[in-house]
Amino acid sequence: MKIKLYAVILLIIAFLGLIDSLYLTYNGPKFHLFEQLCTNSICDDFSLKIFGIHISVYGIIYYLLLIFFSLYIFKGKVIVVALIISTLGFIFSLYFLYYQAFIIKGFCIFCLFSLVCTTAYFLLYTILYVTEKH
């Protein structure tokens, strides 16, 4: 029963992160309700790309993987692979937080929301891994 609850929570977190990444990919960070929540030039500088692809596209791929892992949480090896993927996502999220704070000196609410989703997913999968004694 406990693992089903984890699966549902992980699925919700991954789905929220996917919505966030899809929004950023198709609309950019500007949206009239959220312009006040973005500081400095981050909302105008939608240029953070890796290999010419904006990071929000990588976010879509990342969250789709997390959704897949959430649906197949009952398979033993999936927990280990999902923990590795979520750890990498967590590390990249910390880097992007550093990038916002110290490089562009501005924050995007959508990026911070993604950080919260990634951190929560990472922590829950870590707890699941430890409690399942893999």
C-alpha atoms as a PDB file:
ATOM      1  CA  MET A   1       0.000   0.000   0.000  1.00  0.00           C
ATOM      2  CA  LYS A   2       2.782   2.417   0.873  1.00  0.00           C
ATOM      3  CA  ILE A   3       4.459   2.019  -2.521  1.00  0.00           C
ATOM      4  CA  LYS A   4       1.160   2.843  -4.281  1.00  0.00           C
ATOM      5  CA  LEU A   5       0.937   6.090  -2.334  1.00  0.00           C
ATOM      6  CA  TYR A   6       4.516   6.931  -3.328  1.00  0.00           C
ATOM      7  CA  ALA A   7       3.688   6.143  -6.952  1.00  0.00           C
ATOM      8  CA  VAL A   8       0.700   8.498  -6.945  1.00  0.00           C
ATOM      9  CA  ILE A   9       2.621  11.323  -5.281  1.00  0.00           C
ATOM     10  CA  LEU A  10       5.590  10.872  -7.627  1.00  0.00           C
ATOM     11  CA  LEU A  11       3.269  10.853 -10.625  1.00  0.00           C
ATOM     12  CA  ILE A  12       1.610  14.094  -9.522  1.00  0.00           C
ATOM     13  CA  ILE A  13       4.984  15.787  -8.962  1.00  0.00           C
ATOM     14  CA  ALA A  14       6.271  14.653 -12.362  1.00  0.00           C
ATOM     15  CA  PHE A  15       3.060  15.771 -14.078  1.00  0.00           C
ATOM     16  CA  LEU A  16       3.286  19.241 -12.491  1.00  0.00           C
ATOM     17  CA  GLY A  17       6.913  19.518 -13.609  1.00  0.00           C
ATOM     18  CA  LEU A  18       5.914  18.465 -17.123  1.00  0.00           C
ATOM     19  CA  ILE A  19       3.246  21.182 -17.278  1.00  0.00           C
ATOM     20  CA  ASP A  20       5.826  23.731 -16.112  1.00  0.00           C
ATOM     21  CA  SER A  21       8.345  22.654 -18.772  1.00  0.00           C
ATOM     22  CA  LEU A  22       5.711  22.539 -21.515  1.00  0.00           C
ATOM     23  CA  TYR A  23       4.574  26.044 -20.625  1.00  0.00           C
ATOM     24  CA  LEU A  24       8.124  27.399 -20.737  1.00  0.00           C
ATOM     25  CA  THR A  25       8.859  25.656 -24.028  1.00  0.00           C
ATOM     26  CA  TYR A  26       5.804  26.939 -25.847  1.00  0.00           C
ATOM     27  CA  ASN A  27       5.249  30.336 -24.239  1.00  0.00           C
ATOM     28  CA  GLY A  28       8.526  31.383 -22.680  1.00  0.00           C
ATOM     29  CA  PRO A  29       8.646  32.709 -19.136  1.00  0.00           C
ATOM     30  CA  LYS A  30       6.572  35.823 -19.914  1.00  0.00           C
ATOM     31  CA  PHE A  31       2.939  35.695 -18.935  1.00  0.00           C
ATOM     32  CA  HIS A  32       1.075  38.749 -17.749  1.00  0.00           C
ATOM     33  CA  LEU A  33       0.119  37.217 -14.404  1.00  0.00           C
ATOM     34  CA  PHE A  34       3.706  36.216 -13.633  1.00  0.00           C
ATOM     35  CA  GLU A  35       5.826  39.084 -14.980  1.00  0.00           C
ATOM     36  CA  GLN A  36       6.157  40.558 -11.484  1.00  0.00           C
ATOM     37  CA  LEU A  37       7.488  37.231 -10.178  1.00  0.00           C
ATOM     38  CA  CYS A  38      10.462  37.199 -12.547  1.00  0.00           C
ATOM     39  CA  THR A  39      13.338  39.512 -11.707  1.00  0.00           C
ATOM     40  CA  ASN A  40      15.949  41.294 -13.784  1.00  0.00           C
ATOM     41  CA  SER A  41      16.576  39.972 -17.244  1.00  0.00           C
ATOM     42  CA  ILE A  42      15.674  36.313 -16.847  1.00  0.00           C
ATOM     43  CA  CYS A  43      12.213  36.786 -18.335  1.00  0.00           C
ATOM     44  CA  ASP A  44      13.684  38.702 -21.253  1.00  0.00           C
ATOM     45  CA  ASP A  45      16.703  36.418 -21.667  1.00  0.00           C
ATOM     46  CA  PHE A  46      15.187  33.107 -22.661  1.00  0.00           C
ATOM     47  CA  SER A  47      18.527  31.920 -23.985  1.00  0.00           C
ATOM     48  CA  LEU A  48      19.833  29.159 -21.711  1.00  0.00           C
ATOM     49  CA  LYS A  49      20.518  26.406 -24.207  1.00  0.00           C
ATOM     50  CA  ILE A  50      22.531  23.209 -24.205  1.00  0.00           C
ATOM     51  CA  PHE A  51      23.618  22.004 -27.666  1.00  0.00           C
ATOM     52  CA  GLY A  52      21.289  24.620 -29.164  1.00  0.00           C
ATOM     53  CA  ILE A  53      18.197  23.285 -27.370  1.00  0.00           C
ATOM     54  CA  HIS A  54      16.520  25.293 -24.633  1.00  0.00           C
ATOM     55  CA  ILE A  55      16.658  23.677 -21.203  1.00  0.00           C
ATOM     56  CA  SER A  56      12.868  23.541 -20.970  1.00  0.00           C
ATOM     57  CA  VAL A  57      12.868  20.945 -23.768  1.00  0.00           C
ATOM     58  CA  TYR A  58      15.233  18.847 -21.674  1.00  0.00           C
ATOM     59  CA  GLY A  59      12.791  19.403 -18.810  1.00  0.00           C
ATOM     60  CA  ILE A  60      10.001  17.890 -20.903  1.00  0.00           C
ATOM     61  CA  ILE A  61      12.116  14.807 -21.580  1.00  0.00           C
ATOM     62  CA  TYR A  62      13.151  14.605 -17.925  1.00  0.00           C
ATOM     63  CA  TYR A  63       9.607  14.812 -16.592  1.00  0.00           C
ATOM     64  CA  LEU A  64       8.317  12.323 -19.178  1.00  0.00           C
ATOM     65  CA  LEU A  65      10.964   9.896 -17.900  1.00  0.00           C
ATOM     66  CA  LEU A  66       9.858  10.559 -14.337  1.00  0.00           C
ATOM     67  CA  ILE A  67       6.240   9.886 -15.289  1.00  0.00           C
ATOM     68  CA  PHE A  68       7.330   6.609 -16.874  1.00  0.00           C
ATOM     69  CA  PHE A  69       9.265   5.660 -13.727  1.00  0.00           C
ATOM     70  CA  SER A  70       6.312   6.593 -11.541  1.00  0.00           C
ATOM     71  CA  LEU A  71       4.047   4.289 -13.534  1.00  0.00           C
ATOM     72  CA  TYR A  72       6.500   1.383 -13.336  1.00  0.00           C
ATOM     73  CA  ILE A  73       7.623   1.883  -9.740  1.00  0.00           C
ATOM     74  CA  PHE A  74       6.693  -1.703  -8.903  1.00  0.00           C
ATOM     75  CA  LYS A  75       9.548  -3.106 -10.971  1.00  0.00           C
ATOM     76  CA  GLY A  76      12.692  -3.599  -8.835  1.00  0.00           C
ATOM     77  CA  LYS A  77      15.375  -2.132 -11.107  1.00  0.00           C
ATOM     78  CA  VAL A  78      13.208   0.871 -12.010  1.00  0.00           C
ATOM     79  CA  ILE A  79      13.721   2.298  -8.527  1.00  0.00           C
ATOM     80  CA  VAL A  80      17.505   2.305  -8.982  1.00  0.00           C
ATOM     81  CA  VAL A  81      17.390   3.837 -12.474  1.00  0.00           C
ATOM     82  CA  ALA A  82      14.808   6.426 -11.387  1.00  0.00           C
ATOM     83  CA  LEU A  83      16.980   7.338  -8.405  1.00  0.00           C
ATOM     84  CA  ILE A  84      19.952   7.897 -10.723  1.00  0.00           C
ATOM     85  CA  ILE A  85      17.878  10.016 -13.133  1.00  0.00           C
ATOM     86  CA  SER A  86      16.291  12.045 -10.325  1.00  0.00           C
ATOM     87  CA  THR A  87      19.736  12.576  -8.746  1.00  0.00           C
ATOM     88  CA  LEU A  88      21.053  13.955 -12.044  1.00  0.00           C
ATOM     89  CA  GLY A  89      17.970  16.165 -12.336  1.00  0.00           C
ATOM     90  CA  PHE A  90      18.499  17.417  -8.797  1.00  0.00           C
ATOM     91  CA  ILE A  91      22.159  18.251  -9.510  1.00  0.00           C
ATOM     92  CA  PHE A  92      21.242  20.113 -12.716  1.00  0.00           C
ATOM     93  CA  SER A  93      18.497  21.990 -10.844  1.00  0.00           C
ATOM     94  CA  LEU A  94      21.014  23.116  -8.246  1.00  0.00           C
ATOM     95  CA  TYR A  95      23.282  24.311 -11.056  1.00  0.00           C
ATOM     96  CA  PHE A  96      20.408  26.269 -12.626  1.00  0.00           C
ATOM     97  CA  LEU A  97      19.678  27.819  -9.233  1.00  0.00           C
ATOM     98  CA  TYR A  98      23.332  28.863  -9.049  1.00  0.00           C
ATOM     99  CA  TYR A  99      23.084  30.207 -12.629  1.00  0.00           C
ATOM    100  CA  GLN A 100      20.069  32.333 -11.730  1.00  0.00           C
ATOM    101  CA  ALA A 101      21.504  33.601  -8.456  1.00  0.00           C
ATOM    102  CA  PHE A 102      25.074  34.363  -9.487  1.00  0.00           C
ATOM    103  CA  ILE A 103      25.316  34.561 -13.281  1.00  0.00           C
ATOM    104  CA  ILE A 104      22.169  36.401 -14.379  1.00  0.00           C
ATOM    105  CA  LYS A 105      21.281  37.618 -10.884  1.00  0.00           C
ATOM    106  CA  GLY A 106      17.574  37.032 -11.347  1.00  0.00           C
ATOM    107  CA  PHE A 107      15.047  34.338 -10.659  1.00  0.00           C
ATOM    108  CA  CYS A 108      12.261  32.811 -12.689  1.00  0.00           C
ATOM    109  CA  ILE A 109       9.276  31.479 -10.777  1.00  0.00           C
ATOM    110  CA  PHE A 110       8.868  28.658 -13.295  1.00  0.00           C
ATOM    111  CA  CYS A 111      12.473  27.546 -12.827  1.00  0.00           C
ATOM    112  CA  LEU A 112      12.093  27.671  -9.058  1.00  0.00           C
ATOM    113  CA  PHE A 113       8.892  25.622  -9.311  1.00  0.00           C
ATOM    114  CA  SER A 114      10.794  23.047 -11.358  1.00  0.00           C
ATOM    115  CA  LEU A 115      13.483  22.999  -8.656  1.00  0.00           C
ATOM    116  CA  VAL A 116      10.822  22.260  -6.036  1.00  0.00           C
ATOM    117  CA  CYS A 117       9.343  19.449  -8.159  1.00  0.00           C
ATOM    118  CA  THR A 118      12.753  17.935  -8.872  1.00  0.00           C
ATOM    119  CA  THR A 119      13.831  18.150  -5.228  1.00  0.00           C
ATOM    120  CA  ALA A 120      10.606  16.585  -3.979  1.00  0.00           C
ATOM    121  CA  TYR A 121      10.857  13.783  -6.539  1.00  0.00           C
ATOM    122  CA  PHE A 122      14.505  13.146  -5.653  1.00  0.00           C
ATOM    123  CA  LEU A 123      13.792  13.073  -1.907  1.00  0.00           C
ATOM    124  CA  LEU A 124      10.779  10.767  -2.256  1.00  0.00           C
ATOM    125  CA  TYR A 125      12.663   8.360  -4.507  1.00  0.00           C
ATOM    126  CA  THR A 126      15.600   8.379  -2.075  1.00  0.00           C
ATOM    127  CA  ILE A 127      13.253   7.546   0.796  1.00  0.00           C
ATOM    128  CA  LEU A 128      11.617   4.839  -1.300  1.00  0.00           C
ATOM    129  CA  TYR A 129      14.998   3.368  -2.218  1.00  0.00           C
ATOM    130  CA  VAL A 130      16.186   3.319   1.405  1.00  0.00           C
ATOM    131  CA  THR A 131      12.957   1.902   2.819  1.00  0.00           C
ATOM    132  CA  GLU A 132      12.741  -0.786   0.139  1.00  0.00           C
ATOM    133  CA  LYS A 133      16.357  -1.825   0.950  1.00  0.00           C
ATOM    134  CA  HIS A 134      17.639  -2.221  -2.588  1.00  0.00           C
END
